[in-house]
């Protein structure tokens, strides 16, 4: 299963990232990781609806995820 998690800031998702096995990290804006045989990608979008919409569209358009979550405060 491949999952995308989008968060506005790294601080909001940092406690969760510590539980993952990180494969790659692109300037703390896109993190590829695994957890219990699941591929989990984390996208740090930036604050605001426009930034979030842009980040989601950029990663969801190819249609390569089974689930997507927007998390944060």
Protein backbone atom coordinates (compact mmCIF):
# COMPACT_ATOMS: atom_id res chain seq x y z
CA UNK A 1 0.00 0.00 0.00
CA UNK A 2 1.24 3.48 -0.84
CA UNK A 3 0.14 6.42 1.30
CA UNK A 4 0.62 10.18 0.95
CA UNK A 5 0.52 12.34 4.06
CA UNK A 6 0.48 16.12 3.56
CA UNK A 7 1.26 18.54 6.37
CA UNK A 8 1.74 22.31 6.31
CA UNK A 9 4.86 22.33 8.49
CA UNK A 10 7.53 19.85 9.51
CA UNK A 11 6.87 20.57 13.20
CA UNK A 12 3.31 19.23 12.90
CA UNK A 13 4.41 15.85 11.57
CA UNK A 14 7.87 15.44 13.17
CA UNK A 15 6.76 13.09 16.01
CA UNK A 16 5.27 10.72 13.41
CA UNK A 17 8.38 10.81 11.21
CA UNK A 18 10.51 9.49 14.07
CA UNK A 19 8.52 6.23 13.98
CA UNK A 20 9.25 5.64 10.28
CA UNK A 21 12.19 4.18 8.41
CA UNK A 22 13.19 7.14 6.23
CA UNK A 23 14.51 6.22 2.75
CA UNK A 24 15.06 9.70 1.34
CA UNK A 25 14.51 13.30 2.36
CA UNK A 26 14.36 16.13 -0.17
CA UNK A 27 15.11 19.35 1.74
CA UNK A 28 12.51 18.39 4.37
CA UNK A 29 9.76 19.02 1.79
CA UNK A 30 9.23 15.46 0.54
CA UNK A 31 10.13 12.44 2.67
CA UNK A 32 9.93 8.86 1.42
CA UNK A 33 9.67 6.21 4.13
CA UNK A 34 8.31 2.80 5.07
CA UNK A 35 6.35 1.43 7.99
CA UNK A 36 5.17 -2.18 8.36
CA UNK A 37 5.48 -2.95 4.63
CA UNK A 38 3.70 0.28 3.62
CA UNK A 39 5.32 2.99 1.54
CA UNK A 40 4.56 6.31 3.21
CA UNK A 41 5.45 9.58 1.54
CA UNK A 42 5.24 12.81 3.50
CA UNK A 43 4.85 16.13 1.74
CA UNK A 44 5.46 19.38 3.64
CA UNK A 45 3.34 21.85 1.67
CA UNK A 46 3.71 25.16 3.45
CA UNK A 47 1.03 27.17 5.23
CA UNK A 48 -2.22 28.12 3.51
CA UNK A 49 -4.93 26.64 1.32
CA UNK A 50 -3.21 27.52 -1.95
CA UNK A 51 0.06 25.88 -0.90
CA UNK A 52 -1.80 22.78 0.29
CA UNK A 53 -3.84 22.53 -2.92
CA UNK A 54 -0.72 22.91 -5.05
CA UNK A 55 1.19 20.24 -3.10
CA UNK A 56 -1.73 17.80 -3.19
CA UNK A 57 -2.28 18.31 -6.90
CA UNK A 58 1.41 17.90 -7.67
CA UNK A 59 1.59 14.52 -5.94
CA UNK A 60 -1.92 13.15 -6.49
CA UNK A 61 -2.29 13.81 -10.23
CA UNK A 62 -0.11 10.82 -11.23
CA UNK A 63 -2.55 8.62 -9.27
CA UNK A 64 0.07 6.49 -7.59
CA UNK A 65 -1.38 6.49 -4.05
CA UNK A 66 -3.91 4.18 -2.43
CA UNK A 67 -4.76 6.74 0.27
CA UNK A 68 -3.98 10.38 1.07
CA UNK A 69 -4.27 12.26 4.36
CA UNK A 70 -4.00 15.94 5.24
CA UNK A 71 -2.76 16.18 8.83
CA UNK A 72 -1.83 18.98 11.18
CA UNK A 73 -3.02 21.34 13.81
